[in-house]
Amino acid sequence: MPLSFNFTNTPKDGYVLVPYDAKRGAPLFDPSLGYGFVRRTGTMPSRDVHTDEIVGSSPR
């Protein structure tokens, strides 16, 4: 069964919540959690992922 990820501040049934921290930014990949953003792509040649440009949604 494929996983569905939720990048919003609103919980959704059946989705894994990917929390955004205003101080640390987008979460980096954590194998123990099974999700997160990588620092470099898997393309050839690999490229940096600019996670500082990933922003969270504003609380309403």
PDB file of N, CA and C in Angstrom:
ATOM      1  N   MET A   1       0.842  -1.179   0.000  1.00  0.00           N
ATOM      2  CA  MET A   1       0.000   0.000   0.000  1.00  0.00           C
ATOM      3  C   MET A   1       0.888   1.244   0.000  1.00  0.00           C
ATOM      4  N   PRO A   2       0.735   2.136  -0.988  1.00  0.00           N
ATOM      5  CA  PRO A   2       1.547   3.352  -1.020  1.00  0.00           C
ATOM      6  C   PRO A   2       1.170   4.291   0.118  1.00  0.00           C
ATOM      7  N   LEU A   3       2.170   5.032   0.575  1.00  0.00           N
ATOM      8  CA  LEU A   3       1.934   6.020   1.626  1.00  0.00           C
ATOM      9  C   LEU A   3       1.500   7.343   1.010  1.00  0.00           C
ATOM     10  N   SER A   4       0.669   8.059   1.729  1.00  0.00           N
ATOM     11  CA  SER A   4       0.262   9.405   1.336  1.00  0.00           C
ATOM     12  C   SER A   4       0.777  10.357   2.399  1.00  0.00           C
ATOM     13  N   PHE A   5       1.340  11.473   1.970  1.00  0.00           N
ATOM     14  CA  PHE A   5       1.935  12.425   2.891  1.00  0.00           C
ATOM     15  C   PHE A   5       1.138  13.718   2.922  1.00  0.00           C
ATOM     16  N   ASN A   6       1.039  14.293   4.098  1.00  0.00           N
ATOM     17  CA  ASN A   6       0.300  15.524   4.323  1.00  0.00           C
ATOM     18  C   ASN A   6       1.297  16.613   4.712  1.00  0.00           C
ATOM     19  N   PHE A   7       1.410  17.644   3.883  1.00  0.00           N
ATOM     20  CA  PHE A   7       2.341  18.747   4.138  1.00  0.00           C
ATOM     21  C   PHE A   7       1.632  19.979   4.678  1.00  0.00           C
ATOM     22  N   THR A   8       0.398  19.813   5.135  1.00  0.00           N
ATOM     23  CA  THR A   8      -0.351  20.945   5.689  1.00  0.00           C
ATOM     24  C   THR A   8      -0.378  20.859   7.208  1.00  0.00           C
ATOM     25  N   ASN A   9      -0.923  21.859   7.841  1.00  0.00           N
ATOM     26  CA  ASN A   9      -1.066  21.852   9.300  1.00  0.00           C
ATOM     27  C   ASN A   9      -2.351  21.171   9.752  1.00  0.00           C
ATOM     28  N   THR A  10      -3.171  20.725   8.805  1.00  0.00           N
ATOM     29  CA  THR A  10      -4.454  20.104   9.121  1.00  0.00           C
ATOM     30  C   THR A  10      -4.346  18.585   8.985  1.00  0.00           C
ATOM     31  N   PRO A  11      -4.547  17.836  10.079  1.00  0.00           N
ATOM     32  CA  PRO A  11      -4.470  16.370   9.992  1.00  0.00           C
ATOM     33  C   PRO A  11      -5.490  15.814   9.007  1.00  0.00           C
ATOM     34  N   LYS A  12      -5.088  14.747   8.285  1.00  0.00           N
ATOM     35  CA  LYS A  12      -5.984  14.081   7.345  1.00  0.00           C
ATOM     36  C   LYS A  12      -5.908  12.581   7.610  1.00  0.00           C
ATOM     37  N   ASP A  13      -7.047  11.930   7.683  1.00  0.00           N
ATOM     38  CA  ASP A  13      -7.086  10.484   7.906  1.00  0.00           C
ATOM     39  C   ASP A  13      -6.338   9.754   6.806  1.00  0.00           C
ATOM     40  N   GLY A  14      -5.497   8.805   7.201  1.00  0.00           N
ATOM     41  CA  GLY A  14      -4.776   7.981   6.242  1.00  0.00           C
ATOM     42  C   GLY A  14      -3.513   8.602   5.684  1.00  0.00           C
ATOM     43  N   TYR A  15      -3.171   9.798   6.130  1.00  0.00           N
ATOM     44  CA  TYR A  15      -1.978  10.481   5.632  1.00  0.00           C
ATOM     45  C   TYR A  15      -0.934  10.586   6.745  1.00  0.00           C
ATOM     46  N   VAL A  16       0.344  10.503   6.350  1.00  0.00           N
ATOM     47  CA  VAL A  16       1.442  10.703   7.289  1.00  0.00           C
ATOM     48  C   VAL A  16       1.715  12.204   7.348  1.00  0.00           C
ATOM     49  N   LEU A  17       1.622  12.784   8.544  1.00  0.00           N
ATOM     50  CA  LEU A  17       1.884  14.210   8.713  1.00  0.00           C
ATOM     51  C   LEU A  17       3.386  14.471   8.660  1.00  0.00           C
ATOM     52  N   VAL A  18       3.802  15.359   7.779  1.00  0.00           N
ATOM     53  CA  VAL A  18       5.204  15.754   7.666  1.00  0.00           C
ATOM     54  C   VAL A  18       5.307  17.132   8.298  1.00  0.00           C
ATOM     55  N   PRO A  19       5.791  17.191   9.543  1.00  0.00           N
ATOM     56  CA  PRO A  19       5.796  18.470  10.262  1.00  0.00           C
ATOM     57  C   PRO A  19       6.849  19.437   9.721  1.00  0.00           C
ATOM     58  N   TYR A  20       6.500  20.699   9.708  1.00  0.00           N
ATOM     59  CA  TYR A  20       7.421  21.765   9.321  1.00  0.00           C
ATOM     60  C   TYR A  20       7.738  22.564  10.569  1.00  0.00           C
ATOM     61  N   ASP A  21       9.016  22.767  10.828  1.00  0.00           N
ATOM     62  CA  ASP A  21       9.454  23.523  11.996  1.00  0.00           C
ATOM     63  C   ASP A  21       9.958  24.884  11.533  1.00  0.00           C
ATOM     64  N   ALA A  22       9.352  25.953  12.010  1.00  0.00           N
ATOM     65  CA  ALA A  22       9.709  27.306  11.562  1.00  0.00           C
ATOM     66  C   ALA A  22      11.181  27.635  11.823  1.00  0.00           C
ATOM     67  N   LYS A  23      11.779  27.051  12.851  1.00  0.00           N
ATOM     68  CA  LYS A  23      13.189  27.336  13.167  1.00  0.00           C
ATOM     69  C   LYS A  23      14.157  26.442  12.392  1.00  0.00           C
ATOM     70  N   ARG A  24      13.782  25.165  12.198  1.00  0.00           N
ATOM     71  CA  ARG A  24      14.677  24.217  11.518  1.00  0.00           C
ATOM     72  C   ARG A  24      14.324  24.011  10.056  1.00  0.00           C
ATOM     73  N   GLY A  25      13.139  24.415   9.653  1.00  0.00           N
ATOM     74  CA  GLY A  25      12.732  24.276   8.264  1.00  0.00           C
ATOM     75  C   GLY A  25      12.128  22.917   7.954  1.00  0.00           C
ATOM     76  N   ALA A  26      12.204  22.541   6.694  1.00  0.00           N
ATOM     77  CA  ALA A  26      11.639  21.269   6.234  1.00  0.00           C
ATOM     78  C   ALA A  26      12.428  20.113   6.841  1.00  0.00           C
ATOM     79  N   PRO A  27      11.740  19.039   7.221  1.00  0.00           N
ATOM     80  CA  PRO A  27      12.437  17.917   7.845  1.00  0.00           C
ATOM     81  C   PRO A  27      13.307  17.169   6.834  1.00  0.00           C
ATOM     82  N   LEU A  28      14.547  16.877   7.227  1.00  0.00           N
ATOM     83  CA  LEU A  28      15.435  16.088   6.383  1.00  0.00           C
ATOM     84  C   LEU A  28      15.084  14.619   6.542  1.00  0.00           C
ATOM     85  N   PHE A  29      15.449  13.826   5.549  1.00  0.00           N
ATOM     86  CA  PHE A  29      15.090  12.412   5.555  1.00  0.00           C
ATOM     87  C   PHE A  29      15.625  11.722   6.802  1.00  0.00           C
ATOM     88  N   ASP A  30      14.759  10.947   7.427  1.00  0.00           N
ATOM     89  CA  ASP A  30      15.100  10.159   8.617  1.00  0.00           C
ATOM     90  C   ASP A  30      14.638   8.729   8.344  1.00  0.00           C
ATOM     91  N   PRO A  31      15.587   7.789   8.187  1.00  0.00           N
ATOM     92  CA  PRO A  31      15.194   6.419   7.864  1.00  0.00           C
ATOM     93  C   PRO A  31      14.302   5.776   8.924  1.00  0.00           C
ATOM     94  N   SER A  32      14.434   6.194  10.168  1.00  0.00           N
ATOM     95  CA  SER A  32      13.588   5.605  11.211  1.00  0.00           C
ATOM     96  C   SER A  32      12.140   6.064  11.077  1.00  0.00           C
ATOM     97  N   LEU A  33      11.920   7.252  10.487  1.00  0.00           N
ATOM     98  CA  LEU A  33      10.562   7.746  10.254  1.00  0.00           C
ATOM     99  C   LEU A  33      10.044   7.333   8.877  1.00  0.00           C
ATOM    100  N   GLY A  34      10.970   7.210   7.925  1.00  0.00           N
ATOM    101  CA  GLY A  34      10.592   6.828   6.568  1.00  0.00           C
ATOM    102  C   GLY A  34      10.172   7.979   5.679  1.00  0.00           C
ATOM    103  N   TYR A  35      10.452   9.202   6.092  1.00  0.00           N
ATOM    104  CA  TYR A  35      10.124  10.350   5.254  1.00  0.00           C
ATOM    105  C   TYR A  35      11.070  11.493   5.538  1.00  0.00           C
ATOM    106  N   GLY A  36      11.008  12.497   4.705  1.00  0.00           N
ATOM    107  CA  GLY A  36      11.815  13.704   4.847  1.00  0.00           C
ATOM    108  C   GLY A  36      12.426  14.070   3.502  1.00  0.00           C
ATOM    109  N   PHE A  37      13.027  15.215   3.459  1.00  0.00           N
ATOM    110  CA  PHE A  37      13.647  15.708   2.237  1.00  0.00           C
ATOM    111  C   PHE A  37      15.126  15.352   2.232  1.00  0.00           C
ATOM    112  N   VAL A  38      15.649  15.022   1.066  1.00  0.00           N
ATOM    113  CA  VAL A  38      17.061  14.659   0.931  1.00  0.00           C
ATOM    114  C   VAL A  38      17.898  15.905   0.699  1.00  0.00           C
ATOM    115  N   ARG A  39      19.189  15.791   0.966  1.00  0.00           N
ATOM    116  CA  ARG A  39      20.097  16.925   0.733  1.00  0.00           C
ATOM    117  C   ARG A  39      20.545  16.996  -0.725  1.00  0.00           C
ATOM    118  N   ARG A  40      20.609  15.821  -1.386  1.00  0.00           N
ATOM    119  CA  ARG A  40      21.025  15.754  -2.790  1.00  0.00           C
ATOM    120  C   ARG A  40      20.081  14.829  -3.546  1.00  0.00           C
ATOM    121  N   THR A  41      19.857  15.144  -4.816  1.00  0.00           N
ATOM    122  CA  THR A  41      18.998  14.313  -5.653  1.00  0.00           C
ATOM    123  C   THR A  41      19.711  13.027  -6.043  1.00  0.00           C
ATOM    124  N   GLY A  42      18.969  12.079  -6.553  1.00  0.00           N
ATOM    125  CA  GLY A  42      19.548  10.824  -7.033  1.00  0.00           C
ATOM    126  C   GLY A  42      19.838  10.860  -8.524  1.00  0.00           C
ATOM    127  N   THR A  43      19.750  12.027  -9.144  1.00  0.00           N
ATOM    128  CA  THR A  43      19.997  12.161 -10.577  1.00  0.00           C
ATOM    129  C   THR A  43      21.490  12.083 -10.865  1.00  0.00           C
ATOM    130  N   MET A  44      21.816  11.901 -12.117  1.00  0.00           N
ATOM    131  CA  MET A  44      23.214  11.908 -12.540  1.00  0.00           C
ATOM    132  C   MET A  44      23.420  13.108 -13.435  1.00  0.00           C
ATOM    133  N   PRO A  45      24.232  14.076 -13.135  1.00  0.00           N
ATOM    134  CA  PRO A  45      24.916  14.191 -11.845  1.00  0.00           C
ATOM    135  C   PRO A  45      23.937  14.614 -10.746  1.00  0.00           C
ATOM    136  N   SER A  46      24.282  14.264  -9.518  1.00  0.00           N
ATOM    137  CA  SER A  46      23.408  14.647  -8.406  1.00  0.00           C
ATOM    138  C   SER A  46      23.447  16.154  -8.203  1.00  0.00           C
ATOM    139  N   ARG A  47      22.369  16.659  -7.643  1.00  0.00           N
ATOM    140  CA  ARG A  47      22.266  18.108  -7.418  1.00  0.00           C
ATOM    141  C   ARG A  47      21.828  18.369  -5.991  1.00  0.00           C
ATOM    142  N   ASP A  48      22.237  19.516  -5.474  1.00  0.00           N
ATOM    143  CA  ASP A  48      21.815  19.918  -4.130  1.00  0.00           C
ATOM    144  C   ASP A  48      20.314  20.198  -4.122  1.00  0.00           C
ATOM    145  N   VAL A  49      19.668  19.844  -3.030  1.00  0.00           N
ATOM    146  CA  VAL A  49      18.271  20.207  -2.810  1.00  0.00           C
ATOM    147  C   VAL A  49      18.290  21.400  -1.862  1.00  0.00           C
ATOM    148  N   HIS A  50      17.687  22.479  -2.251  1.00  0.00           N
ATOM    149  CA  HIS A  50      17.705  23.711  -1.461  1.00  0.00           C
ATOM    150  C   HIS A  50      16.516  23.707  -0.503  1.00  0.00           C
ATOM    151  N   THR A  51      16.671  22.975   0.605  1.00  0.00           N
ATOM    152  CA  THR A  51      15.563  22.827   1.549  1.00  0.00           C
ATOM    153  C   THR A  51      15.202  24.134   2.239  1.00  0.00           C
ATOM    154  N   ASP A  52      16.108  25.110   2.231  1.00  0.00           N
ATOM    155  CA  ASP A  52      15.778  26.396   2.852  1.00  0.00           C
ATOM    156  C   ASP A  52      14.705  27.137   2.062  1.00  0.00           C
ATOM    157  N   GLU A  53      14.461  26.719   0.815  1.00  0.00           N
ATOM    158  CA  GLU A  53      13.422  27.340  -0.008  1.00  0.00           C
ATOM    159  C   GLU A  53      12.061  26.668   0.179  1.00  0.00           C
ATOM    160  N   ILE A  54      12.029  25.555   0.936  1.00  0.00           N
ATOM    161  CA  ILE A  54      10.775  24.878   1.242  1.00  0.00           C
ATOM    162  C   ILE A  54      10.188  25.556   2.460  1.00  0.00           C
ATOM    163  N   VAL A  55       8.995  26.082   2.336  1.00  0.00           N
ATOM    164  CA  VAL A  55       8.378  26.801   3.444  1.00  0.00           C
ATOM    165  C   VAL A  55       7.093  26.131   3.872  1.00  0.00           C
ATOM    166  N   GLY A  56       6.765  26.266   5.144  1.00  0.00           N
ATOM    167  CA  GLY A  56       5.529  25.700   5.683  1.00  0.00           C
ATOM    168  C   GLY A  56       4.367  26.630   5.486  1.00  0.00           C
ATOM    169  N   SER A  57       3.181  26.074   5.607  1.00  0.00           N
ATOM    170  CA  SER A  57       1.991  26.907   5.493  1.00  0.00           C
ATOM    171  C   SER A  57       1.792  27.704   6.767  1.00  0.00           C
ATOM    172  N   SER A  58       1.229  28.853   6.628  1.00  0.00           N
ATOM    173  CA  SER A  58       0.977  29.710   7.793  1.00  0.00           C
ATOM    174  C   SER A  58      -0.210  29.188   8.577  1.00  0.00           C
ATOM    175  N   PRO A  59      -0.102  29.170   9.919  1.00  0.00           N
ATOM    176  CA  PRO A  59      -1.272  28.781  10.705  1.00  0.00           C
ATOM    177  C   PRO A  59      -2.397  29.789  10.497  1.00  0.00           C
ATOM    178  N   ARG A  60      -3.611  29.300  10.466  1.00  0.00           N
ATOM    179  CA  ARG A  60      -4.753  30.207  10.231  1.00  0.00           C
ATOM    180  C   ARG A  60      -5.476  30.504  11.496  1.00  0.00           C
TER     181      ARG A  60
END
